[in-house]
Amino acid sequence: MAQNLLFTEHNLWLKNLDQVKFEFKDLQIRLERALPHLHSKPLLARVEQFQNRFIRQREVVDELRHEIKQHENHLERMDQPAHLLLLEHVGLRDQFSRFYDLFIELERDFDEFLA
């Protein structure tokens, strides 16, 4: 039963990661549309910072997705003691939460930049 709850949480995380990937495409499009109107060096430097943050966050999405899938494999095989699997899951939950908080912060910073 507890194992099903962990898989349910995995599915929620994976859906959220898919949504974030979609939102990154939208952020990139918005940045490209704004680019012709940004001429000063400080603004162009901020554009580059956002592009770098977008790239890094997309990498983190892929890394998290991989770690979640690896954890699912461990759960299916039960190749570790239950308490270690649970600790691993809690660690993933913390990672996902930090990632999502940083994503929300990035979105907010970007919206303020474009305003």
N, C-alpha and C. Protein backbone atom coordinates (compact mmCIF):
# COMPACT_ATOMS: atom_id res chain seq x y z
N MET A 1 0.82 -1.20 0.00
CA MET A 1 0.00 0.00 0.00
C MET A 1 0.86 1.26 0.00
N ALA A 2 1.86 1.32 0.90
CA ALA A 2 2.73 2.49 0.97
C ALA A 2 3.49 2.67 -0.34
N GLN A 3 3.82 1.56 -0.97
CA GLN A 3 4.53 1.62 -2.24
C GLN A 3 3.66 2.32 -3.29
N ASN A 4 2.36 2.06 -3.30
CA ASN A 4 1.46 2.72 -4.25
C ASN A 4 1.43 4.23 -4.02
N LEU A 5 1.50 4.65 -2.77
CA LEU A 5 1.52 6.09 -2.47
C LEU A 5 2.78 6.74 -3.02
N LEU A 6 3.90 6.03 -2.94
CA LEU A 6 5.14 6.56 -3.47
C LEU A 6 5.06 6.69 -4.99
N PHE A 7 4.50 5.67 -5.65
CA PHE A 7 4.34 5.74 -7.11
C PHE A 7 3.38 6.86 -7.50
N THR A 8 2.35 7.08 -6.69
CA THR A 8 1.40 8.16 -6.96
C THR A 8 2.11 9.51 -6.88
N GLU A 9 2.96 9.66 -5.88
CA GLU A 9 3.71 10.90 -5.77
C GLU A 9 4.68 11.05 -6.94
N HIS A 10 5.31 9.96 -7.36
CA HIS A 10 6.19 10.00 -8.53
C HIS A 10 5.43 10.51 -9.75
N ASN A 11 4.24 9.96 -9.96
CA ASN A 11 3.44 10.37 -11.12
C ASN A 11 3.11 11.86 -11.07
N LEU A 12 2.80 12.36 -9.89
CA LEU A 12 2.52 13.78 -9.73
C LEU A 12 3.75 14.61 -10.07
N TRP A 13 4.90 14.19 -9.57
CA TRP A 13 6.14 14.91 -9.87
C TRP A 13 6.42 14.90 -11.37
N LEU A 14 6.26 13.74 -11.99
CA LEU A 14 6.54 13.64 -13.43
C LEU A 14 5.60 14.53 -14.25
N LYS A 15 4.34 14.58 -13.85
CA LYS A 15 3.39 15.46 -14.55
C LYS A 15 3.79 16.92 -14.37
N ASN A 16 4.20 17.28 -13.16
CA ASN A 16 4.64 18.65 -12.91
C ASN A 16 5.90 18.99 -13.71
N LEU A 17 6.80 18.03 -13.83
CA LEU A 17 8.01 18.26 -14.62
C LEU A 17 7.66 18.45 -16.09
N ASP A 18 6.71 17.68 -16.60
CA ASP A 18 6.25 17.87 -17.98
C ASP A 18 5.67 19.27 -18.17
N GLN A 19 4.89 19.72 -17.20
CA GLN A 19 4.29 21.05 -17.27
C GLN A 19 5.37 22.13 -17.24
N VAL A 20 6.37 21.94 -16.40
CA VAL A 20 7.46 22.92 -16.32
C VAL A 20 8.20 22.97 -17.65
N LYS A 21 8.45 21.82 -18.26
CA LYS A 21 9.12 21.80 -19.57
C LYS A 21 8.32 22.60 -20.60
N PHE A 22 7.01 22.42 -20.57
CA PHE A 22 6.14 23.17 -21.48
C PHE A 22 6.23 24.67 -21.17
N GLU A 23 6.23 25.03 -19.91
CA GLU A 23 6.30 26.43 -19.53
C GLU A 23 7.64 27.05 -19.93
N PHE A 24 8.72 26.26 -19.90
CA PHE A 24 10.01 26.78 -20.35
C PHE A 24 9.96 27.16 -21.82
N LYS A 25 9.25 26.39 -22.62
CA LYS A 25 9.10 26.74 -24.03
C LYS A 25 8.40 28.08 -24.16
N ASP A 26 7.37 28.28 -23.36
CA ASP A 26 6.65 29.55 -23.37
C ASP A 26 7.56 30.70 -22.93
N LEU A 27 8.33 30.49 -21.88
CA LEU A 27 9.25 31.54 -21.41
C LEU A 27 10.26 31.89 -22.49
N GLN A 28 10.78 30.88 -23.18
CA GLN A 28 11.76 31.12 -24.24
C GLN A 28 11.13 31.92 -25.38
N ILE A 29 9.91 31.60 -25.75
CA ILE A 29 9.21 32.34 -26.81
C ILE A 29 9.02 33.79 -26.39
N ARG A 30 8.60 34.01 -25.16
CA ARG A 30 8.40 35.37 -24.67
C ARG A 30 9.71 36.16 -24.67
N LEU A 31 10.80 35.49 -24.32
CA LEU A 31 12.11 36.14 -24.33
C LEU A 31 12.51 36.51 -25.75
N GLU A 32 12.30 35.61 -26.69
CA GLU A 32 12.65 35.88 -28.08
C GLU A 32 11.83 37.03 -28.65
N ARG A 33 10.56 37.13 -28.25
CA ARG A 33 9.72 38.24 -28.71
C ARG A 33 10.18 39.57 -28.14
N ALA A 34 10.69 39.56 -26.93
CA ALA A 34 11.13 40.80 -26.27
C ALA A 34 12.50 41.24 -26.76
N LEU A 35 13.29 40.33 -27.24
CA LEU A 35 14.69 40.60 -27.60
C LEU A 35 14.86 41.79 -28.55
N PRO A 36 14.06 41.92 -29.61
CA PRO A 36 14.27 43.07 -30.52
C PRO A 36 14.09 44.44 -29.84
N HIS A 37 13.42 44.48 -28.71
CA HIS A 37 13.15 45.74 -28.03
C HIS A 37 14.17 46.05 -26.94
N LEU A 38 15.13 45.15 -26.76
CA LEU A 38 16.13 45.31 -25.72
C LEU A 38 17.46 45.66 -26.37
N HIS A 39 17.93 46.88 -26.12
CA HIS A 39 19.14 47.32 -26.83
C HIS A 39 20.32 47.62 -25.92
N SER A 40 20.09 47.92 -24.68
CA SER A 40 21.21 48.29 -23.81
C SER A 40 21.96 47.05 -23.35
N LYS A 41 23.25 47.26 -23.07
CA LYS A 41 24.08 46.15 -22.62
C LYS A 41 23.57 45.53 -21.32
N PRO A 42 23.14 46.33 -20.35
CA PRO A 42 22.62 45.70 -19.12
C PRO A 42 21.40 44.81 -19.38
N LEU A 43 20.52 45.25 -20.26
CA LEU A 43 19.34 44.42 -20.57
C LEU A 43 19.74 43.15 -21.31
N LEU A 44 20.67 43.28 -22.23
CA LEU A 44 21.13 42.10 -22.97
C LEU A 44 21.86 41.13 -22.04
N ALA A 45 22.56 41.67 -21.04
CA ALA A 45 23.21 40.81 -20.05
C ALA A 45 22.15 40.04 -19.25
N ARG A 46 21.05 40.70 -18.91
CA ARG A 46 19.96 40.02 -18.19
C ARG A 46 19.34 38.93 -19.05
N VAL A 47 19.20 39.21 -20.35
CA VAL A 47 18.67 38.20 -21.28
C VAL A 47 19.55 36.96 -21.23
N GLU A 48 20.86 37.18 -21.29
CA GLU A 48 21.78 36.04 -21.25
C GLU A 48 21.66 35.28 -19.93
N GLN A 49 21.50 36.01 -18.83
CA GLN A 49 21.32 35.35 -17.54
C GLN A 49 20.07 34.48 -17.54
N PHE A 50 18.98 35.01 -18.09
CA PHE A 50 17.75 34.22 -18.14
C PHE A 50 17.92 33.00 -19.04
N GLN A 51 18.56 33.18 -20.17
CA GLN A 51 18.78 32.04 -21.04
C GLN A 51 19.58 30.95 -20.33
N ASN A 52 20.60 31.35 -19.58
CA ASN A 52 21.41 30.38 -18.84
C ASN A 52 20.60 29.70 -17.75
N ARG A 53 19.75 30.46 -17.07
CA ARG A 53 18.91 29.88 -16.04
C ARG A 53 17.91 28.90 -16.65
N PHE A 54 17.36 29.24 -17.81
CA PHE A 54 16.42 28.34 -18.48
C PHE A 54 17.12 27.03 -18.84
N ILE A 55 18.32 27.15 -19.39
CA ILE A 55 19.08 25.96 -19.78
C ILE A 55 19.34 25.09 -18.56
N ARG A 56 19.81 25.70 -17.48
CA ARG A 56 20.13 24.91 -16.28
C ARG A 56 18.89 24.26 -15.69
N GLN A 57 17.80 24.98 -15.65
CA GLN A 57 16.58 24.42 -15.08
C GLN A 57 16.06 23.26 -15.94
N ARG A 58 16.19 23.37 -17.27
CA ARG A 58 15.78 22.25 -18.13
C ARG A 58 16.66 21.02 -17.86
N GLU A 59 17.95 21.26 -17.60
CA GLU A 59 18.83 20.15 -17.25
C GLU A 59 18.38 19.50 -15.94
N VAL A 60 18.00 20.33 -14.99
CA VAL A 60 17.54 19.80 -13.70
C VAL A 60 16.27 18.98 -13.88
N VAL A 61 15.38 19.42 -14.77
CA VAL A 61 14.17 18.64 -15.06
C VAL A 61 14.56 17.25 -15.52
N ASP A 62 15.49 17.18 -16.45
CA ASP A 62 15.93 15.87 -16.97
C ASP A 62 16.60 15.03 -15.88
N GLU A 63 17.42 15.67 -15.05
CA GLU A 63 18.08 14.94 -13.97
C GLU A 63 17.07 14.40 -12.96
N LEU A 64 16.11 15.24 -12.59
CA LEU A 64 15.08 14.80 -11.64
C LEU A 64 14.25 13.66 -12.21
N ARG A 65 13.87 13.80 -13.47
CA ARG A 65 13.09 12.75 -14.13
C ARG A 65 13.86 11.42 -14.06
N HIS A 66 15.15 11.48 -14.34
CA HIS A 66 15.97 10.28 -14.31
C HIS A 66 16.02 9.69 -12.89
N GLU A 67 16.23 10.54 -11.89
CA GLU A 67 16.30 10.06 -10.51
C GLU A 67 14.97 9.46 -10.05
N ILE A 68 13.87 10.05 -10.47
CA ILE A 68 12.56 9.50 -10.11
C ILE A 68 12.39 8.12 -10.74
N LYS A 69 12.75 8.00 -12.01
CA LYS A 69 12.63 6.70 -12.68
C LYS A 69 13.55 5.65 -12.03
N GLN A 70 14.75 6.06 -11.64
CA GLN A 70 15.65 5.14 -10.95
C GLN A 70 15.04 4.68 -9.64
N HIS A 71 14.43 5.62 -8.92
CA HIS A 71 13.81 5.26 -7.64
C HIS A 71 12.64 4.30 -7.87
N GLU A 72 11.88 4.52 -8.93
CA GLU A 72 10.80 3.59 -9.25
C GLU A 72 11.35 2.19 -9.49
N ASN A 73 12.46 2.11 -10.19
CA ASN A 73 13.09 0.81 -10.43
C ASN A 73 13.48 0.13 -9.12
N HIS A 74 14.04 0.91 -8.20
CA HIS A 74 14.41 0.35 -6.89
C HIS A 74 13.17 -0.14 -6.15
N LEU A 75 12.09 0.64 -6.22
CA LEU A 75 10.86 0.25 -5.53
C LEU A 75 10.29 -1.04 -6.12
N GLU A 76 10.30 -1.14 -7.45
CA GLU A 76 9.76 -2.34 -8.09
C GLU A 76 10.56 -3.58 -7.74
N ARG A 77 11.87 -3.43 -7.67
CA ARG A 77 12.73 -4.58 -7.37
C ARG A 77 12.87 -4.82 -5.87
N MET A 78 12.52 -3.80 -5.09
CA MET A 78 12.72 -3.87 -3.62
C MET A 78 14.13 -4.35 -3.32
N ASP A 79 15.12 -3.73 -4.00
CA ASP A 79 16.50 -4.17 -3.87
C ASP A 79 17.25 -3.45 -2.75
N GLN A 80 16.51 -2.71 -1.94
CA GLN A 80 17.07 -2.05 -0.77
C GLN A 80 16.09 -2.24 0.38
N PRO A 81 16.59 -2.13 1.60
CA PRO A 81 15.66 -2.19 2.74
C PRO A 81 14.63 -1.07 2.64
N ALA A 82 13.44 -1.33 3.14
CA ALA A 82 12.32 -0.39 3.02
C ALA A 82 12.66 0.98 3.59
N HIS A 83 13.36 1.02 4.73
CA HIS A 83 13.66 2.32 5.32
C HIS A 83 14.61 3.14 4.43
N LEU A 84 15.50 2.48 3.71
CA LEU A 84 16.40 3.20 2.80
C LEU A 84 15.63 3.71 1.58
N LEU A 85 14.71 2.90 1.09
CA LEU A 85 13.87 3.35 -0.02
C LEU A 85 13.05 4.56 0.38
N LEU A 86 12.54 4.54 1.60
CA LEU A 86 11.75 5.68 2.08
C LEU A 86 12.62 6.91 2.24
N LEU A 87 13.82 6.75 2.77
CA LEU A 87 14.74 7.89 2.89
C LEU A 87 15.08 8.47 1.52
N GLU A 88 15.30 7.59 0.56
CA GLU A 88 15.58 8.04 -0.81
C GLU A 88 14.39 8.82 -1.35
N HIS A 89 13.21 8.35 -1.07
CA HIS A 89 12.00 9.02 -1.55
C HIS A 89 11.87 10.41 -0.91
N VAL A 90 12.11 10.49 0.36
CA VAL A 90 12.02 11.78 1.06
C VAL A 90 13.06 12.75 0.48
N GLY A 91 14.24 12.25 0.16
CA GLY A 91 15.26 13.09 -0.47
C GLY A 91 14.80 13.60 -1.83
N LEU A 92 14.17 12.73 -2.61
CA LEU A 92 13.63 13.15 -3.90
C LEU A 92 12.53 14.20 -3.73
N ARG A 93 11.71 14.01 -2.72
CA ARG A 93 10.65 14.97 -2.45
C ARG A 93 11.25 16.35 -2.15
N ASP A 94 12.31 16.37 -1.35
CA ASP A 94 12.99 17.63 -1.03
C ASP A 94 13.60 18.25 -2.28
N GLN A 95 14.24 17.42 -3.11
CA GLN A 95 14.83 17.92 -4.35
C GLN A 95 13.76 18.53 -5.25
N PHE A 96 12.65 17.81 -5.40
CA PHE A 96 11.59 18.31 -6.26
C PHE A 96 11.03 19.62 -5.71
N SER A 97 10.84 19.68 -4.42
CA SER A 97 10.30 20.89 -3.80
C SER A 97 11.23 22.08 -4.01
N ARG A 98 12.54 21.87 -3.81
CA ARG A 98 13.52 22.96 -4.05
C ARG A 98 13.50 23.38 -5.51
N PHE A 99 13.49 22.39 -6.40
CA PHE A 99 13.46 22.71 -7.82
C PHE A 99 12.22 23.55 -8.16
N TYR A 100 11.06 23.12 -7.68
CA TYR A 100 9.82 23.81 -8.02
C TYR A 100 9.81 25.22 -7.45
N ASP A 101 10.32 25.39 -6.23
CA ASP A 101 10.43 26.74 -5.65
C ASP A 101 11.32 27.63 -6.50
N LEU A 102 12.45 27.09 -6.96
CA LEU A 102 13.35 27.87 -7.82
C LEU A 102 12.71 28.19 -9.16
N PHE A 103 11.93 27.26 -9.67
CA PHE A 103 11.23 27.53 -10.93
C PHE A 103 10.23 28.67 -10.76
N ILE A 104 9.46 28.66 -9.69
CA ILE A 104 8.49 29.73 -9.43
C ILE A 104 9.22 31.06 -9.28
N GLU A 105 10.35 31.05 -8.60
CA GLU A 105 11.15 32.27 -8.44
C GLU A 105 11.65 32.77 -9.80
N LEU A 106 12.11 31.85 -10.64
CA LEU A 106 12.57 32.21 -11.97
C LEU A 106 11.44 32.83 -12.79
N GLU A 107 10.28 32.21 -12.76
CA GLU A 107 9.12 32.76 -13.48
C GLU A 107 8.79 34.17 -13.01
N ARG A 108 8.80 34.36 -11.70
CA ARG A 108 8.50 35.67 -11.12
C ARG A 108 9.54 36.71 -11.55
N ASP A 109 10.83 36.34 -11.45
CA ASP A 109 11.91 37.24 -11.88
C ASP A 109 11.76 37.60 -13.35
N PHE A 110 11.43 36.62 -14.15
CA PHE A 110 11.30 36.85 -15.59
C PHE A 110 10.12 37.78 -15.89
N ASP A 111 8.99 37.54 -15.23
CA ASP A 111 7.82 38.40 -15.42
C ASP A 111 8.14 39.84 -15.02
N GLU A 112 8.86 40.01 -13.93
CA GLU A 112 9.26 41.37 -13.49
C GLU A 112 10.19 42.01 -14.51
N PHE A 113 11.10 41.22 -15.07
CA PHE A 113 12.02 41.73 -16.08
C PHE A 113 11.27 42.23 -17.31
N LEU A 114 10.27 41.48 -17.74
CA LEU A 114 9.53 41.86 -18.95
C LEU A 114 8.53 42.97 -18.70
N ALA A 115 8.17 43.22 -17.45
CA ALA A 115 7.15 44.23 -17.13
C ALA A 115 7.63 45.64 -17.41
